[in-house]
């Protein structure tokens, strides 16, 4: 099973994913951004965004599928997929390989999202990039279907618990995880 945590930059995906991994026994994190980091020394995206590279999308499908097949425990992927067609390509590509994918989109009002981005002192270099993509994220996520939307404004532990509560019961039983700290 793959739990894909989607949302705008600054919505709390990485924090939520880390907390979720602590609460879902056996879960492992895999950030698809690492695939982009691997490619960047060898390829240049004309847009500056590795998601625009067809090879990145292909390798994310192959990597996530391989991890789920070869190491069958819950995988958590925190990654913004703001381009709806790329989102469909990746998530449908994984599902077409027989892997169960549960996508959760963290939602945060624009003013709070922009304030979070400005307040982030960890990745200051990415601030402009994140701010420049807020509008696209809000438009994309307003029109999506087939995902579970989670309010990303409460404290991160509550957001992670909300994701856990919305995972299908059958998945929890099939994976036989021990849930920790759920509320």
N, C-alpha and C. Protein backbone atom coordinates (compact mmCIF):
# COMPACT_ATOMS: atom_id res chain seq x y z
N UNK A 1 0.84 -1.18 0.00
CA UNK A 1 0.00 0.00 0.00
C UNK A 1 0.89 1.24 0.00
N UNK A 2 0.48 2.23 -0.79
CA UNK A 2 1.15 3.52 -0.81
C UNK A 2 0.17 4.58 -0.32
N UNK A 3 0.62 5.39 0.61
CA UNK A 3 -0.15 6.53 1.08
C UNK A 3 0.55 7.76 0.53
N UNK A 4 -0.10 8.40 -0.45
CA UNK A 4 0.49 9.58 -1.10
C UNK A 4 -0.06 10.82 -0.42
N UNK A 5 0.84 11.62 0.15
CA UNK A 5 0.45 12.86 0.81
C UNK A 5 0.75 13.99 -0.17
N UNK A 6 -0.32 14.58 -0.70
CA UNK A 6 -0.24 15.62 -1.71
C UNK A 6 -0.70 16.94 -1.08
N UNK A 7 -0.43 18.03 -1.73
CA UNK A 7 -0.86 19.34 -1.26
C UNK A 7 0.13 20.38 -1.73
N UNK A 8 -0.22 21.62 -1.51
CA UNK A 8 0.64 22.73 -1.91
C UNK A 8 1.95 22.69 -1.11
N UNK A 9 2.96 23.34 -1.66
CA UNK A 9 4.21 23.49 -0.93
C UNK A 9 3.89 24.28 0.34
N UNK A 10 4.33 23.78 1.49
CA UNK A 10 4.07 24.45 2.75
C UNK A 10 2.82 23.97 3.46
N UNK A 11 2.12 22.99 2.88
CA UNK A 11 0.88 22.50 3.49
C UNK A 11 1.13 21.55 4.65
N UNK A 12 2.36 21.07 4.80
CA UNK A 12 2.69 20.17 5.91
C UNK A 12 2.84 18.72 5.52
N UNK A 13 3.10 18.45 4.26
CA UNK A 13 3.20 17.07 3.76
C UNK A 13 4.32 16.29 4.45
N UNK A 14 5.50 16.84 4.51
CA UNK A 14 6.65 16.12 5.06
C UNK A 14 6.46 15.85 6.54
N UNK A 15 6.00 16.83 7.28
CA UNK A 15 5.76 16.65 8.71
C UNK A 15 4.67 15.61 8.94
N UNK A 16 3.58 15.72 8.20
CA UNK A 16 2.49 14.75 8.33
C UNK A 16 2.96 13.35 7.98
N UNK A 17 3.71 13.23 6.89
CA UNK A 17 4.21 11.92 6.48
C UNK A 17 5.12 11.30 7.54
N UNK A 18 5.98 12.09 8.14
CA UNK A 18 6.87 11.58 9.19
C UNK A 18 6.07 11.08 10.39
N UNK A 19 5.07 11.85 10.80
CA UNK A 19 4.24 11.44 11.93
C UNK A 19 3.41 10.20 11.58
N UNK A 20 2.93 10.14 10.37
CA UNK A 20 2.17 8.99 9.92
C UNK A 20 3.03 7.72 9.94
N UNK A 21 4.28 7.86 9.52
CA UNK A 21 5.19 6.71 9.52
C UNK A 21 5.42 6.19 10.94
N UNK A 22 5.40 7.09 11.93
CA UNK A 22 5.55 6.68 13.33
C UNK A 22 4.31 5.96 13.84
N UNK A 23 3.16 6.30 13.28
CA UNK A 23 1.89 5.78 13.78
C UNK A 23 1.42 4.51 13.06
N UNK A 24 1.94 4.25 11.90
CA UNK A 24 1.53 3.10 11.10
C UNK A 24 2.69 2.11 11.10
N UNK A 25 2.54 1.06 11.89
CA UNK A 25 3.62 0.11 12.12
C UNK A 25 4.18 -0.44 10.80
N UNK A 26 5.49 -0.41 10.69
CA UNK A 26 6.15 -0.95 9.51
C UNK A 26 6.22 0.01 8.35
N UNK A 27 5.59 1.16 8.47
CA UNK A 27 5.57 2.11 7.36
C UNK A 27 6.96 2.72 7.15
N UNK A 28 7.24 2.98 5.89
CA UNK A 28 8.51 3.61 5.49
C UNK A 28 8.19 4.84 4.65
N UNK A 29 9.05 5.82 4.77
CA UNK A 29 8.92 7.03 3.95
C UNK A 29 9.75 6.90 2.69
N UNK A 30 9.20 7.38 1.59
CA UNK A 30 10.00 7.56 0.38
C UNK A 30 9.54 8.84 -0.28
N UNK A 31 10.43 9.80 -0.37
CA UNK A 31 10.12 11.07 -1.00
C UNK A 31 10.53 10.99 -2.47
N UNK A 32 9.56 11.04 -3.39
CA UNK A 32 9.88 10.97 -4.82
C UNK A 32 10.79 12.09 -5.31
N UNK A 33 10.97 13.10 -4.49
CA UNK A 33 11.90 14.17 -4.84
C UNK A 33 13.32 13.62 -5.00
N UNK A 34 13.64 12.57 -4.28
CA UNK A 34 14.97 11.96 -4.38
C UNK A 34 15.26 11.50 -5.81
N UNK A 35 14.23 11.05 -6.50
CA UNK A 35 14.41 10.65 -7.90
C UNK A 35 14.83 11.86 -8.72
N UNK A 36 14.21 12.99 -8.46
CA UNK A 36 14.59 14.23 -9.15
C UNK A 36 16.01 14.64 -8.83
N UNK A 37 16.38 14.54 -7.56
CA UNK A 37 17.75 14.88 -7.17
C UNK A 37 18.76 13.99 -7.88
N UNK A 38 18.40 12.73 -8.07
CA UNK A 38 19.29 11.80 -8.76
C UNK A 38 19.48 12.22 -10.23
N UNK A 39 18.40 12.67 -10.85
CA UNK A 39 18.47 13.01 -12.28
C UNK A 39 19.13 14.36 -12.58
N UNK A 40 19.01 15.31 -11.68
CA UNK A 40 19.44 16.67 -11.96
C UNK A 40 20.90 16.83 -12.39
N UNK A 41 21.85 16.04 -11.88
CA UNK A 41 23.22 16.20 -12.38
C UNK A 41 23.39 15.77 -13.84
N UNK A 42 22.44 14.99 -14.35
CA UNK A 42 22.57 14.42 -15.69
C UNK A 42 21.65 15.05 -16.72
N UNK A 43 20.53 15.60 -16.26
CA UNK A 43 19.53 16.15 -17.16
C UNK A 43 19.14 17.55 -16.73
N UNK A 44 18.76 18.35 -17.69
CA UNK A 44 18.29 19.69 -17.40
C UNK A 44 16.85 19.80 -17.88
N UNK A 45 15.98 20.18 -16.98
CA UNK A 45 14.59 20.40 -17.36
C UNK A 45 14.50 21.80 -17.96
N UNK A 46 13.86 21.95 -19.11
CA UNK A 46 13.75 23.28 -19.71
C UNK A 46 12.99 24.27 -18.83
N UNK A 47 12.16 23.75 -17.92
CA UNK A 47 11.37 24.61 -17.04
C UNK A 47 12.03 24.80 -15.68
N UNK A 48 13.07 24.02 -15.39
CA UNK A 48 13.69 24.06 -14.08
C UNK A 48 13.01 23.15 -13.07
N UNK A 49 11.95 22.46 -13.48
CA UNK A 49 11.21 21.58 -12.59
C UNK A 49 11.37 20.14 -13.08
N UNK A 50 11.98 19.29 -12.25
CA UNK A 50 12.22 17.92 -12.70
C UNK A 50 10.93 17.15 -12.95
N UNK A 51 9.81 17.59 -12.38
CA UNK A 51 8.55 16.91 -12.66
C UNK A 51 8.16 17.00 -14.14
N UNK A 52 8.70 17.98 -14.84
CA UNK A 52 8.41 18.12 -16.27
C UNK A 52 9.22 17.15 -17.13
N UNK A 53 10.12 16.41 -16.52
CA UNK A 53 10.88 15.40 -17.24
C UNK A 53 10.09 14.09 -17.29
N UNK A 54 9.75 13.60 -18.48
CA UNK A 54 9.03 12.33 -18.57
C UNK A 54 9.78 11.20 -17.85
N UNK A 55 11.11 11.23 -17.88
CA UNK A 55 11.89 10.20 -17.20
C UNK A 55 11.66 10.23 -15.70
N UNK A 56 11.54 11.42 -15.11
CA UNK A 56 11.27 11.51 -13.67
C UNK A 56 9.96 10.80 -13.34
N UNK A 57 8.92 11.09 -14.10
CA UNK A 57 7.61 10.49 -13.83
C UNK A 57 7.67 8.97 -14.00
N UNK A 58 8.35 8.51 -15.04
CA UNK A 58 8.51 7.07 -15.27
C UNK A 58 9.25 6.42 -14.11
N UNK A 59 10.34 7.03 -13.68
CA UNK A 59 11.13 6.45 -12.59
C UNK A 59 10.40 6.48 -11.26
N UNK A 60 9.55 7.48 -11.04
CA UNK A 60 8.77 7.50 -9.80
C UNK A 60 7.79 6.33 -9.80
N UNK A 61 7.14 6.09 -10.93
CA UNK A 61 6.22 4.95 -11.03
C UNK A 61 6.99 3.65 -10.76
N UNK A 62 8.11 3.48 -11.44
CA UNK A 62 8.90 2.25 -11.28
C UNK A 62 9.44 2.09 -9.87
N UNK A 63 9.92 3.18 -9.29
CA UNK A 63 10.50 3.10 -7.94
C UNK A 63 9.44 2.80 -6.90
N UNK A 64 8.33 3.53 -6.94
CA UNK A 64 7.27 3.30 -5.96
C UNK A 64 6.69 1.89 -6.11
N UNK A 65 6.50 1.46 -7.35
CA UNK A 65 5.97 0.11 -7.59
C UNK A 65 6.97 -0.94 -7.11
N UNK A 66 8.23 -0.76 -7.42
CA UNK A 66 9.25 -1.70 -6.99
C UNK A 66 9.35 -1.79 -5.47
N UNK A 67 9.30 -0.64 -4.81
CA UNK A 67 9.34 -0.66 -3.35
C UNK A 67 8.15 -1.43 -2.78
N UNK A 68 6.95 -1.15 -3.32
CA UNK A 68 5.75 -1.80 -2.80
C UNK A 68 5.74 -3.30 -3.09
N UNK A 69 6.28 -3.69 -4.24
CA UNK A 69 6.31 -5.12 -4.59
C UNK A 69 7.41 -5.87 -3.83
N UNK A 70 8.59 -5.29 -3.78
CA UNK A 70 9.74 -5.97 -3.19
C UNK A 70 9.79 -5.88 -1.67
N UNK A 71 9.23 -4.82 -1.13
CA UNK A 71 9.25 -4.57 0.32
C UNK A 71 7.83 -4.23 0.76
N UNK A 72 6.99 -5.26 0.88
CA UNK A 72 5.55 -5.05 1.07
C UNK A 72 5.15 -4.62 2.48
N UNK A 73 5.34 -3.37 2.74
CA UNK A 73 4.80 -2.74 3.94
C UNK A 73 4.28 -1.39 3.50
N UNK A 74 3.56 -0.68 4.33
CA UNK A 74 3.05 0.62 3.90
C UNK A 74 4.18 1.59 3.54
N UNK A 75 4.03 2.26 2.41
CA UNK A 75 4.97 3.29 1.96
C UNK A 75 4.25 4.62 1.99
N UNK A 76 4.93 5.63 2.48
CA UNK A 76 4.34 6.97 2.56
C UNK A 76 5.17 7.89 1.68
N UNK A 77 4.50 8.55 0.74
CA UNK A 77 5.17 9.42 -0.23
C UNK A 77 4.64 10.85 -0.10
N UNK A 78 5.43 11.74 0.51
CA UNK A 78 5.02 13.14 0.58
C UNK A 78 5.52 13.88 -0.66
N UNK A 79 4.61 14.25 -1.54
CA UNK A 79 5.04 14.90 -2.78
C UNK A 79 3.91 15.70 -3.38
N UNK A 80 4.19 16.96 -3.67
CA UNK A 80 3.21 17.81 -4.36
C UNK A 80 3.19 17.43 -5.83
N UNK A 81 2.00 17.09 -6.29
CA UNK A 81 1.79 16.88 -7.72
C UNK A 81 0.77 17.92 -8.16
N UNK A 82 1.27 19.07 -8.60
CA UNK A 82 0.40 20.19 -8.93
C UNK A 82 -0.12 20.14 -10.36
N UNK A 83 0.55 19.40 -11.21
CA UNK A 83 0.09 19.23 -12.58
C UNK A 83 -0.85 18.03 -12.60
N UNK A 84 -2.12 18.28 -12.89
CA UNK A 84 -3.14 17.22 -12.82
C UNK A 84 -2.83 16.05 -13.75
N UNK A 85 -2.26 16.32 -14.92
CA UNK A 85 -1.97 15.21 -15.83
C UNK A 85 -0.79 14.39 -15.32
N UNK A 86 0.20 15.03 -14.71
CA UNK A 86 1.32 14.28 -14.12
C UNK A 86 0.82 13.44 -12.95
N UNK A 87 -0.07 14.02 -12.14
CA UNK A 87 -0.65 13.29 -11.02
C UNK A 87 -1.34 12.02 -11.51
N UNK A 88 -2.16 12.16 -12.53
CA UNK A 88 -2.88 11.00 -13.08
C UNK A 88 -1.89 9.99 -13.65
N UNK A 89 -0.89 10.47 -14.37
CA UNK A 89 0.11 9.56 -14.96
C UNK A 89 0.80 8.73 -13.88
N UNK A 90 1.22 9.38 -12.81
CA UNK A 90 1.98 8.69 -11.77
C UNK A 90 1.08 7.77 -10.95
N UNK A 91 0.00 8.32 -10.41
CA UNK A 91 -0.84 7.51 -9.52
C UNK A 91 -1.54 6.39 -10.28
N UNK A 92 -2.03 6.67 -11.49
CA UNK A 92 -2.65 5.61 -12.30
C UNK A 92 -1.61 4.58 -12.74
N UNK A 93 -0.40 5.04 -13.03
CA UNK A 93 0.67 4.11 -13.41
C UNK A 93 1.00 3.14 -12.30
N UNK A 94 1.01 3.62 -11.07
CA UNK A 94 1.25 2.74 -9.92
C UNK A 94 0.07 1.79 -9.74
N UNK A 95 -1.13 2.33 -9.81
CA UNK A 95 -2.34 1.49 -9.64
C UNK A 95 -2.45 0.44 -10.74
N UNK A 96 -2.06 0.80 -11.95
CA UNK A 96 -2.11 -0.15 -13.07
C UNK A 96 -1.20 -1.35 -12.84
N UNK A 97 -0.24 -1.20 -11.97
CA UNK A 97 0.67 -2.31 -11.63
C UNK A 97 0.15 -3.12 -10.45
N UNK A 98 -1.09 -2.83 -10.03
CA UNK A 98 -1.72 -3.61 -8.97
C UNK A 98 -1.41 -3.15 -7.56
N UNK A 99 -0.87 -1.97 -7.42
CA UNK A 99 -0.52 -1.44 -6.10
C UNK A 99 -1.65 -0.52 -5.64
N UNK A 100 -2.09 -0.70 -4.42
CA UNK A 100 -3.13 0.14 -3.82
C UNK A 100 -2.52 1.49 -3.44
N UNK A 101 -3.12 2.57 -3.91
CA UNK A 101 -2.65 3.91 -3.60
C UNK A 101 -3.80 4.68 -2.96
N UNK A 102 -3.52 5.28 -1.82
CA UNK A 102 -4.48 6.15 -1.14
C UNK A 102 -3.88 7.55 -1.13
N UNK A 103 -4.54 8.47 -1.80
CA UNK A 103 -4.03 9.84 -1.89
C UNK A 103 -4.79 10.75 -0.94
N UNK A 104 -4.03 11.51 -0.18
CA UNK A 104 -4.59 12.50 0.73
C UNK A 104 -4.02 13.86 0.34
N UNK A 105 -4.91 14.82 0.17
CA UNK A 105 -4.49 16.17 -0.18
C UNK A 105 -4.71 17.07 1.03
N UNK A 106 -3.62 17.65 1.51
CA UNK A 106 -3.70 18.56 2.65
C UNK A 106 -4.12 19.94 2.14
N UNK A 107 -5.16 20.48 2.74
CA UNK A 107 -5.65 21.79 2.33
C UNK A 107 -5.39 22.83 3.42
N UNK A 108 -4.94 23.98 2.98
CA UNK A 108 -4.68 25.10 3.88
C UNK A 108 -5.13 26.36 3.14
N UNK A 109 -5.88 27.25 3.80
CA UNK A 109 -6.29 28.49 3.14
C UNK A 109 -5.07 29.28 2.64
N UNK A 110 -5.26 30.00 1.55
CA UNK A 110 -4.14 30.69 0.89
C UNK A 110 -3.37 31.60 1.84
N UNK A 111 -4.05 32.40 2.63
CA UNK A 111 -3.32 33.33 3.51
C UNK A 111 -2.45 32.59 4.52
N UNK A 112 -2.97 31.51 5.09
CA UNK A 112 -2.18 30.72 6.06
C UNK A 112 -1.04 29.99 5.37
N UNK A 113 -1.30 29.50 4.15
CA UNK A 113 -0.27 28.80 3.38
C UNK A 113 0.90 29.75 3.09
N UNK A 114 0.58 30.93 2.60
CA UNK A 114 1.64 31.91 2.29
C UNK A 114 2.41 32.31 3.56
N UNK A 115 1.70 32.45 4.67
CA UNK A 115 2.36 32.79 5.93
C UNK A 115 3.30 31.66 6.38
N UNK A 116 2.86 30.41 6.22
CA UNK A 116 3.73 29.27 6.57
C UNK A 116 4.99 29.27 5.72
N UNK A 117 4.82 29.51 4.43
CA UNK A 117 5.98 29.51 3.53
C UNK A 117 6.96 30.60 3.95
N UNK A 118 6.44 31.79 4.24
CA UNK A 118 7.31 32.90 4.65
C UNK A 118 8.00 32.64 5.98
N UNK A 119 7.33 31.91 6.87
CA UNK A 119 7.89 31.64 8.20
C UNK A 119 8.88 30.48 8.22
N UNK A 120 8.93 29.70 7.16
CA UNK A 120 9.81 28.52 7.12
C UNK A 120 11.27 28.97 7.07
N UNK A 121 12.00 28.64 8.11
CA UNK A 121 13.42 29.01 8.19
C UNK A 121 14.32 27.84 7.79
N UNK A 122 13.74 26.68 7.54
CA UNK A 122 14.54 25.50 7.20
C UNK A 122 14.97 25.54 5.74
N UNK A 123 14.06 25.84 4.85
CA UNK A 123 14.36 25.82 3.42
C UNK A 123 14.08 27.20 2.80
N UNK A 124 14.85 28.18 3.23
CA UNK A 124 14.65 29.56 2.81
C UNK A 124 14.85 29.71 1.30
N UNK A 125 15.77 28.95 0.72
CA UNK A 125 16.05 29.06 -0.71
C UNK A 125 14.84 28.68 -1.56
N UNK A 126 13.96 27.84 -1.03
CA UNK A 126 12.79 27.38 -1.79
C UNK A 126 11.59 28.31 -1.62
N UNK A 127 11.72 29.33 -0.80
CA UNK A 127 10.58 30.21 -0.48
C UNK A 127 9.94 30.79 -1.74
N UNK A 128 10.72 31.37 -2.62
CA UNK A 128 10.17 32.01 -3.83
C UNK A 128 9.46 30.97 -4.70
N UNK A 129 10.10 29.81 -4.88
CA UNK A 129 9.51 28.72 -5.68
C UNK A 129 8.14 28.34 -5.11
N UNK A 130 8.10 28.14 -3.82
CA UNK A 130 6.84 27.74 -3.17
C UNK A 130 5.77 28.82 -3.33
N UNK A 131 6.14 30.05 -3.09
CA UNK A 131 5.18 31.16 -3.23
C UNK A 131 4.67 31.25 -4.67
N UNK A 132 5.56 31.07 -5.62
CA UNK A 132 5.17 31.16 -7.04
C UNK A 132 4.20 30.07 -7.46
N UNK A 133 4.12 28.98 -6.71
CA UNK A 133 3.27 27.84 -7.08
C UNK A 133 2.00 27.71 -6.23
N UNK A 134 1.76 28.65 -5.35
CA UNK A 134 0.55 28.60 -4.53
C UNK A 134 -0.70 28.68 -5.40
N UNK A 135 -0.74 29.61 -6.34
CA UNK A 135 -1.91 29.77 -7.19
C UNK A 135 -2.22 28.51 -7.98
N UNK A 136 -1.19 27.91 -8.57
CA UNK A 136 -1.39 26.68 -9.34
C UNK A 136 -1.92 25.57 -8.44
N UNK A 137 -1.39 25.47 -7.24
CA UNK A 137 -1.84 24.42 -6.31
C UNK A 137 -3.32 24.61 -5.98
N UNK A 138 -3.71 25.82 -5.68
CA UNK A 138 -5.10 26.07 -5.30
C UNK A 138 -6.05 25.75 -6.46
N UNK A 139 -5.66 26.10 -7.66
CA UNK A 139 -6.50 25.80 -8.84
C UNK A 139 -6.57 24.30 -9.07
N UNK A 140 -5.42 23.64 -9.05
CA UNK A 140 -5.39 22.18 -9.29
C UNK A 140 -6.23 21.43 -8.28
N UNK A 141 -6.02 21.69 -7.01
CA UNK A 141 -6.69 20.91 -5.98
C UNK A 141 -8.17 21.23 -5.87
N UNK A 142 -8.58 22.40 -6.34
CA UNK A 142 -10.01 22.74 -6.33
C UNK A 142 -10.80 21.91 -7.33
N UNK A 143 -10.12 21.34 -8.32
CA UNK A 143 -10.83 20.61 -9.38
C UNK A 143 -10.62 19.11 -9.34
N UNK A 144 -9.82 18.62 -8.41
CA UNK A 144 -9.50 17.19 -8.38
C UNK A 144 -10.61 16.36 -7.74
N UNK A 145 -10.70 15.14 -8.23
CA UNK A 145 -11.57 14.14 -7.61
C UNK A 145 -10.72 12.88 -7.40
N UNK A 146 -11.25 11.97 -6.64
CA UNK A 146 -10.55 10.70 -6.45
C UNK A 146 -9.51 10.72 -5.36
N UNK A 147 -9.50 11.78 -4.56
CA UNK A 147 -8.56 11.87 -3.45
C UNK A 147 -9.36 12.21 -2.19
N UNK A 148 -8.73 12.02 -1.06
CA UNK A 148 -9.34 12.41 0.20
C UNK A 148 -8.71 13.71 0.65
N UNK A 149 -9.53 14.71 0.87
CA UNK A 149 -9.03 16.02 1.30
C UNK A 149 -9.02 16.08 2.83
N UNK A 150 -7.90 16.56 3.37
CA UNK A 150 -7.70 16.66 4.81
C UNK A 150 -7.36 18.11 5.14
N UNK A 151 -8.00 18.64 6.16
CA UNK A 151 -7.70 19.99 6.63
C UNK A 151 -6.29 19.99 7.22
N UNK A 152 -5.40 20.76 6.62
CA UNK A 152 -4.01 20.80 7.06
C UNK A 152 -3.72 21.90 8.06
N UNK A 153 -4.77 22.57 8.58
CA UNK A 153 -4.52 23.68 9.50
C UNK A 153 -4.34 23.28 10.96
N UNK A 154 -4.93 22.16 11.44
CA UNK A 154 -4.67 21.79 12.85
C UNK A 154 -3.20 21.42 13.06
N UNK A 155 -2.79 21.22 14.31
CA UNK A 155 -1.42 20.75 14.57
C UNK A 155 -1.15 19.45 13.80
N UNK A 156 0.09 19.27 13.41
CA UNK A 156 0.48 18.16 12.53
C UNK A 156 0.10 16.79 13.08
N UNK A 157 0.17 16.59 14.39
CA UNK A 157 -0.20 15.28 14.93
C UNK A 157 -1.68 15.00 14.69
N UNK A 158 -2.52 16.01 14.74
CA UNK A 158 -3.94 15.83 14.47
C UNK A 158 -4.19 15.56 12.99
N UNK A 159 -3.40 16.18 12.12
CA UNK A 159 -3.52 15.94 10.68
C UNK A 159 -3.14 14.49 10.38
N UNK A 160 -2.04 14.02 10.95
CA UNK A 160 -1.62 12.63 10.74
C UNK A 160 -2.68 11.65 11.25
N UNK A 161 -3.27 11.95 12.40
CA UNK A 161 -4.33 11.08 12.92
C UNK A 161 -5.55 11.09 12.00
N UNK A 162 -5.85 12.24 11.40
CA UNK A 162 -6.99 12.31 10.47
C UNK A 162 -6.74 11.44 9.24
N UNK A 163 -5.51 11.42 8.76
CA UNK A 163 -5.17 10.55 7.63
C UNK A 163 -5.34 9.09 8.05
N UNK A 164 -4.81 8.72 9.21
CA UNK A 164 -4.92 7.34 9.69
C UNK A 164 -6.38 6.90 9.78
N UNK A 165 -7.22 7.77 10.31
CA UNK A 165 -8.64 7.42 10.47
C UNK A 165 -9.33 7.20 9.12
N UNK A 166 -8.79 7.80 8.07
CA UNK A 166 -9.42 7.70 6.76
C UNK A 166 -8.84 6.60 5.87
N UNK A 167 -7.82 5.93 6.38
CA UNK A 167 -7.33 4.76 5.64
C UNK A 167 -8.38 3.68 5.74
N UNK A 168 -8.68 3.00 4.65
CA UNK A 168 -9.70 1.95 4.70
C UNK A 168 -9.36 0.88 5.72
N UNK A 169 -10.36 0.42 6.43
CA UNK A 169 -10.18 -0.63 7.43
C UNK A 169 -9.56 -1.88 6.82
N UNK A 170 -10.00 -2.26 5.62
CA UNK A 170 -9.46 -3.45 4.97
C UNK A 170 -7.97 -3.33 4.76
N UNK A 171 -7.52 -2.13 4.37
CA UNK A 171 -6.08 -1.93 4.17
C UNK A 171 -5.32 -2.12 5.47
N UNK A 172 -5.87 -1.58 6.54
CA UNK A 172 -5.20 -1.72 7.83
C UNK A 172 -5.10 -3.19 8.22
N UNK A 173 -6.17 -3.95 7.98
CA UNK A 173 -6.16 -5.36 8.33
C UNK A 173 -5.28 -6.15 7.39
N UNK A 174 -5.34 -5.84 6.07
CA UNK A 174 -4.51 -6.56 5.11
C UNK A 174 -3.03 -6.36 5.40
N UNK A 175 -2.66 -5.15 5.78
CA UNK A 175 -1.26 -4.86 6.05
C UNK A 175 -0.86 -5.27 7.46
N UNK A 176 -1.87 -5.54 8.31
CA UNK A 176 -1.68 -5.94 9.68
C UNK A 176 -0.77 -4.99 10.45
N UNK A 177 -0.96 -3.66 10.26
CA UNK A 177 -0.13 -2.74 11.03
C UNK A 177 -0.70 -2.57 12.44
N UNK A 178 0.16 -2.17 13.31
CA UNK A 178 -0.27 -1.77 14.64
C UNK A 178 -0.31 -0.26 14.63
N UNK A 179 -1.47 0.29 14.90
CA UNK A 179 -1.60 1.75 14.87
C UNK A 179 -1.21 2.31 16.21
N UNK A 180 -0.41 3.35 16.18
CA UNK A 180 0.07 3.98 17.39
C UNK A 180 -0.43 5.42 17.46
N UNK A 181 -0.81 5.85 18.61
CA UNK A 181 -1.11 7.25 18.85
C UNK A 181 -2.30 7.79 18.08
N UNK A 182 -3.21 6.96 17.64
CA UNK A 182 -4.36 7.48 16.91
C UNK A 182 -5.38 8.01 17.88
N UNK A 183 -6.07 9.06 17.42
CA UNK A 183 -7.04 9.66 18.32
C UNK A 183 -8.45 9.53 17.81
